[in-house]
Amino acid sequence: MLGRMDAEAGSRALHGSNDLVELLRLAQGALERIELEVHGSSFEQARAVGREIQRLRRQAEKLHADIEQFVGREESATVWRGHPLRRSADRTTPPGGHR
C-alpha cells in the first residue's frame, strides 16, 4: 500500500487522483458522443476504446477512494501523535540538529 506521507503530499495525491478521474470521465463522454456520430469500423473502434476508458475509470475511482482512506487515517494518526504529518525522512534529523 502507501507509505507515510505529509499533509502536502496527501493533498497532492488526492488532487492528482481526482484530476485523473475527471479526465477519464471527460474522455468517456467524448467517446459516447463519437459513438453517436460514426458507423461501421469507426463505431466499433470507438466502442472498444470506450470500454477500456470505462475500465480505467473504475480503477481510477478505486485508487482515489484508497488514497482518501489512507490520507484520512494519516490525518487521524497525526491528531493522535500530536504533530503534523511527516515523511520518515523528515524524522532522521536528531532533535536540535540542523540539515
N, C-alpha and C. Protein backbone atom coordinates (compact mmCIF):
# COMPACT_ATOMS: atom_id res chain seq x y z
N MET A 1 0.85 -1.18 0.00
CA MET A 1 0.00 0.00 0.00
C MET A 1 0.89 1.23 0.00
N LEU A 2 0.41 2.31 0.49
CA LEU A 2 1.14 3.57 0.52
C LEU A 2 1.95 3.68 1.80
N GLY A 3 3.08 4.36 1.74
CA GLY A 3 3.87 4.63 2.93
C GLY A 3 3.36 5.88 3.61
N ARG A 4 4.02 6.29 4.65
CA ARG A 4 3.62 7.52 5.34
C ARG A 4 3.85 8.72 4.43
N MET A 5 3.01 9.72 4.59
CA MET A 5 3.16 10.93 3.79
C MET A 5 2.78 12.14 4.63
N ASP A 6 3.35 13.29 4.26
CA ASP A 6 2.99 14.50 4.97
C ASP A 6 1.69 15.06 4.38
N ALA A 7 1.17 16.12 5.00
CA ALA A 7 -0.11 16.68 4.60
C ALA A 7 -0.07 17.20 3.17
N GLU A 8 1.03 17.82 2.77
CA GLU A 8 1.13 18.35 1.41
C GLU A 8 1.14 17.22 0.39
N ALA A 9 1.87 16.16 0.66
CA ALA A 9 1.90 15.02 -0.25
C ALA A 9 0.52 14.38 -0.33
N GLY A 10 -0.17 14.27 0.78
CA GLY A 10 -1.52 13.73 0.79
C GLY A 10 -2.46 14.57 -0.05
N SER A 11 -2.35 15.88 0.08
CA SER A 11 -3.18 16.79 -0.71
C SER A 11 -2.87 16.66 -2.20
N ARG A 12 -1.60 16.58 -2.55
CA ARG A 12 -1.22 16.43 -3.95
C ARG A 12 -1.74 15.10 -4.52
N ALA A 13 -1.65 14.04 -3.73
CA ALA A 13 -2.13 12.73 -4.19
C ALA A 13 -3.64 12.76 -4.40
N LEU A 14 -4.36 13.39 -3.48
CA LEU A 14 -5.81 13.49 -3.63
C LEU A 14 -6.20 14.30 -4.85
N HIS A 15 -5.53 15.44 -5.04
CA HIS A 15 -5.83 16.27 -6.20
C HIS A 15 -5.48 15.54 -7.50
N GLY A 16 -4.35 14.85 -7.51
CA GLY A 16 -3.95 14.11 -8.70
C GLY A 16 -4.94 13.00 -9.04
N SER A 17 -5.37 12.26 -8.04
CA SER A 17 -6.31 11.16 -8.31
C SER A 17 -7.67 11.72 -8.74
N ASN A 18 -8.06 12.85 -8.16
CA ASN A 18 -9.31 13.49 -8.58
C ASN A 18 -9.21 13.97 -10.04
N ASP A 19 -8.08 14.57 -10.40
CA ASP A 19 -7.86 15.01 -11.78
C ASP A 19 -7.92 13.83 -12.75
N LEU A 20 -7.34 12.70 -12.35
CA LEU A 20 -7.35 11.51 -13.20
C LEU A 20 -8.78 11.02 -13.43
N VAL A 21 -9.56 10.94 -12.37
CA VAL A 21 -10.96 10.51 -12.50
C VAL A 21 -11.72 11.46 -13.41
N GLU A 22 -11.53 12.76 -13.24
CA GLU A 22 -12.22 13.75 -14.05
C GLU A 22 -11.80 13.64 -15.52
N LEU A 23 -10.52 13.47 -15.78
CA LEU A 23 -10.03 13.32 -17.15
C LEU A 23 -10.68 12.11 -17.83
N LEU A 24 -10.73 11.00 -17.12
CA LEU A 24 -11.33 9.79 -17.69
C LEU A 24 -12.84 9.95 -17.88
N ARG A 25 -13.49 10.70 -17.00
CA ARG A 25 -14.91 10.98 -17.17
C ARG A 25 -15.14 11.78 -18.46
N LEU A 26 -14.31 12.78 -18.67
CA LEU A 26 -14.42 13.59 -19.89
C LEU A 26 -14.15 12.75 -21.14
N ALA A 27 -13.14 11.90 -21.08
CA ALA A 27 -12.82 11.04 -22.22
C ALA A 27 -13.97 10.09 -22.52
N GLN A 28 -14.59 9.55 -21.48
CA GLN A 28 -15.71 8.64 -21.68
C GLN A 28 -16.88 9.37 -22.33
N GLY A 29 -17.14 10.59 -21.90
CA GLY A 29 -18.21 11.38 -22.51
C GLY A 29 -17.92 11.69 -23.97
N ALA A 30 -16.67 12.01 -24.28
CA ALA A 30 -16.30 12.29 -25.66
C ALA A 30 -16.51 11.06 -26.53
N LEU A 31 -16.13 9.91 -26.02
CA LEU A 31 -16.30 8.67 -26.80
C LEU A 31 -17.77 8.35 -27.01
N GLU A 32 -18.61 8.61 -26.01
CA GLU A 32 -20.04 8.39 -26.18
C GLU A 32 -20.60 9.28 -27.28
N ARG A 33 -20.13 10.52 -27.37
CA ARG A 33 -20.57 11.43 -28.43
C ARG A 33 -20.08 10.94 -29.79
N ILE A 34 -18.85 10.44 -29.85
CA ILE A 34 -18.31 9.91 -31.10
C ILE A 34 -19.14 8.71 -31.56
N GLU A 35 -19.49 7.83 -30.64
CA GLU A 35 -20.27 6.64 -30.98
C GLU A 35 -21.60 7.01 -31.63
N LEU A 36 -22.18 8.15 -31.23
CA LEU A 36 -23.45 8.59 -31.81
C LEU A 36 -23.30 9.07 -33.25
N GLU A 37 -22.10 9.45 -33.63
CA GLU A 37 -21.89 10.09 -34.93
C GLU A 37 -21.25 9.21 -35.99
N VAL A 38 -20.61 8.12 -35.61
CA VAL A 38 -19.89 7.31 -36.59
C VAL A 38 -20.55 5.93 -36.74
N HIS A 39 -20.16 5.23 -37.80
CA HIS A 39 -20.73 3.91 -38.09
C HIS A 39 -19.62 2.96 -38.51
N GLY A 40 -19.95 1.71 -38.57
CA GLY A 40 -19.02 0.70 -39.08
C GLY A 40 -17.82 0.50 -38.18
N SER A 41 -16.66 0.37 -38.83
CA SER A 41 -15.43 0.07 -38.07
C SER A 41 -15.05 1.21 -37.12
N SER A 42 -15.37 2.45 -37.49
CA SER A 42 -15.07 3.57 -36.59
C SER A 42 -15.90 3.47 -35.31
N PHE A 43 -17.17 3.07 -35.47
CA PHE A 43 -18.03 2.88 -34.30
C PHE A 43 -17.48 1.77 -33.41
N GLU A 44 -17.09 0.66 -34.01
CA GLU A 44 -16.55 -0.47 -33.23
C GLU A 44 -15.27 -0.07 -32.51
N GLN A 45 -14.43 0.68 -33.18
CA GLN A 45 -13.19 1.13 -32.55
C GLN A 45 -13.49 2.09 -31.39
N ALA A 46 -14.41 3.02 -31.59
CA ALA A 46 -14.79 3.95 -30.53
C ALA A 46 -15.39 3.20 -29.34
N ARG A 47 -16.21 2.20 -29.64
CA ARG A 47 -16.82 1.41 -28.56
C ARG A 47 -15.75 0.64 -27.77
N ALA A 48 -14.76 0.08 -28.47
CA ALA A 48 -13.69 -0.66 -27.80
C ALA A 48 -12.87 0.28 -26.92
N VAL A 49 -12.54 1.45 -27.43
CA VAL A 49 -11.79 2.43 -26.63
C VAL A 49 -12.64 2.85 -25.43
N GLY A 50 -13.94 3.04 -25.65
CA GLY A 50 -14.84 3.41 -24.57
C GLY A 50 -14.86 2.39 -23.45
N ARG A 51 -14.85 1.11 -23.81
CA ARG A 51 -14.80 0.06 -22.78
C ARG A 51 -13.52 0.13 -21.97
N GLU A 52 -12.41 0.37 -22.65
CA GLU A 52 -11.12 0.49 -21.95
C GLU A 52 -11.11 1.72 -21.02
N ILE A 53 -11.65 2.82 -21.51
CA ILE A 53 -11.72 4.04 -20.67
C ILE A 53 -12.59 3.78 -19.46
N GLN A 54 -13.71 3.08 -19.65
CA GLN A 54 -14.60 2.77 -18.53
C GLN A 54 -13.87 1.90 -17.50
N ARG A 55 -13.11 0.92 -17.98
CA ARG A 55 -12.34 0.05 -17.08
C ARG A 55 -11.31 0.88 -16.31
N LEU A 56 -10.59 1.75 -17.02
CA LEU A 56 -9.60 2.60 -16.37
C LEU A 56 -10.25 3.55 -15.37
N ARG A 57 -11.42 4.06 -15.72
CA ARG A 57 -12.12 4.98 -14.81
C ARG A 57 -12.50 4.28 -13.51
N ARG A 58 -12.99 3.04 -13.60
CA ARG A 58 -13.31 2.29 -12.38
C ARG A 58 -12.06 2.10 -11.52
N GLN A 59 -10.94 1.77 -12.16
CA GLN A 59 -9.70 1.61 -11.40
C GLN A 59 -9.26 2.93 -10.77
N ALA A 60 -9.39 4.02 -11.52
CA ALA A 60 -9.00 5.33 -11.00
C ALA A 60 -9.90 5.74 -9.83
N GLU A 61 -11.19 5.43 -9.90
CA GLU A 61 -12.10 5.74 -8.80
C GLU A 61 -11.74 4.93 -7.56
N LYS A 62 -11.36 3.67 -7.75
CA LYS A 62 -10.93 2.84 -6.62
C LYS A 62 -9.64 3.40 -6.02
N LEU A 63 -8.70 3.77 -6.88
CA LEU A 63 -7.45 4.37 -6.40
C LEU A 63 -7.74 5.64 -5.60
N HIS A 64 -8.62 6.48 -6.11
CA HIS A 64 -8.97 7.72 -5.41
C HIS A 64 -9.55 7.41 -4.02
N ALA A 65 -10.46 6.43 -3.96
CA ALA A 65 -11.05 6.04 -2.67
C ALA A 65 -9.98 5.52 -1.72
N ASP A 66 -9.06 4.71 -2.23
CA ASP A 66 -7.97 4.19 -1.40
C ASP A 66 -7.10 5.33 -0.86
N ILE A 67 -6.80 6.30 -1.72
CA ILE A 67 -5.98 7.44 -1.28
C ILE A 67 -6.73 8.26 -0.24
N GLU A 68 -8.03 8.47 -0.45
CA GLU A 68 -8.83 9.21 0.54
C GLU A 68 -8.80 8.51 1.90
N GLN A 69 -8.96 7.20 1.90
CA GLN A 69 -8.93 6.45 3.16
C GLN A 69 -7.57 6.55 3.82
N PHE A 70 -6.51 6.40 3.02
CA PHE A 70 -5.16 6.46 3.57
C PHE A 70 -4.87 7.83 4.18
N VAL A 71 -5.21 8.88 3.44
CA VAL A 71 -4.97 10.25 3.94
C VAL A 71 -5.79 10.49 5.20
N GLY A 72 -7.01 10.00 5.22
CA GLY A 72 -7.84 10.14 6.42
C GLY A 72 -7.22 9.44 7.63
N ARG A 73 -6.68 8.24 7.41
CA ARG A 73 -6.02 7.52 8.51
C ARG A 73 -4.78 8.28 8.98
N GLU A 74 -4.01 8.82 8.02
CA GLU A 74 -2.82 9.58 8.38
C GLU A 74 -3.19 10.83 9.17
N GLU A 75 -4.27 11.51 8.77
CA GLU A 75 -4.70 12.70 9.49
C GLU A 75 -5.13 12.33 10.91
N SER A 76 -5.84 11.21 11.04
CA SER A 76 -6.25 10.76 12.38
C SER A 76 -5.04 10.42 13.23
N ALA A 77 -4.06 9.76 12.62
CA ALA A 77 -2.84 9.40 13.35
C ALA A 77 -2.09 10.66 13.76
N THR A 78 -2.14 11.69 12.93
CA THR A 78 -1.47 12.95 13.25
C THR A 78 -2.06 13.56 14.52
N VAL A 79 -3.38 13.56 14.60
CA VAL A 79 -4.04 14.11 15.78
C VAL A 79 -3.62 13.30 17.01
N TRP A 80 -3.57 11.99 16.86
CA TRP A 80 -3.18 11.13 17.98
C TRP A 80 -1.73 11.37 18.38
N ARG A 81 -0.83 11.53 17.39
CA ARG A 81 0.59 11.74 17.69
C ARG A 81 0.85 13.16 18.17
N GLY A 82 0.00 14.10 17.77
CA GLY A 82 0.16 15.47 18.22
C GLY A 82 1.16 16.28 17.42
N HIS A 83 1.49 15.88 16.21
CA HIS A 83 2.37 16.68 15.37
C HIS A 83 1.94 16.52 13.92
N PRO A 84 2.36 17.44 13.05
CA PRO A 84 1.94 17.36 11.64
C PRO A 84 2.44 16.09 10.98
N LEU A 85 1.73 15.69 9.92
CA LEU A 85 2.17 14.53 9.14
C LEU A 85 3.59 14.80 8.64
N ARG A 86 4.43 13.80 8.78
CA ARG A 86 5.81 13.95 8.31
C ARG A 86 6.24 12.69 7.62
N ARG A 87 7.10 12.84 6.64
CA ARG A 87 7.68 11.68 5.99
C ARG A 87 8.73 11.09 6.92
N SER A 88 9.01 9.83 6.75
CA SER A 88 10.01 9.19 7.60
C SER A 88 11.37 9.87 7.43
N ALA A 89 11.69 10.37 6.24
CA ALA A 89 12.96 11.05 6.01
C ALA A 89 13.07 12.32 6.84
N ASP A 90 11.94 12.94 7.14
CA ASP A 90 11.96 14.17 7.95
C ASP A 90 12.33 13.89 9.40
N ARG A 91 12.19 12.65 9.82
CA ARG A 91 12.47 12.31 11.22
C ARG A 91 13.91 11.84 11.44
N THR A 92 14.76 11.88 10.40
CA THR A 92 16.11 11.38 10.56
C THR A 92 17.03 12.40 11.21
N THR A 93 16.66 13.66 11.22
CA THR A 93 17.48 14.70 11.85
C THR A 93 17.27 14.62 13.36
N PRO A 94 18.33 14.51 14.15
CA PRO A 94 18.17 14.44 15.60
C PRO A 94 17.59 15.75 16.14
N PRO A 95 16.90 15.68 17.29
CA PRO A 95 16.35 16.89 17.87
C PRO A 95 17.46 17.94 18.09
N GLY A 96 17.19 19.16 17.70
CA GLY A 96 18.18 20.22 17.84
C GLY A 96 19.20 20.24 16.74
N GLY A 97 19.20 19.22 15.87
CA GLY A 97 20.17 19.15 14.77
C GLY A 97 19.73 20.01 13.60
N HIS A 98 20.66 20.31 12.74
CA HIS A 98 20.36 21.11 11.57
C HIS A 98 20.71 20.32 10.32
N ARG A 99 20.04 20.63 9.26
CA ARG A 99 20.31 19.97 7.96
C ARG A 99 21.33 20.74 7.21
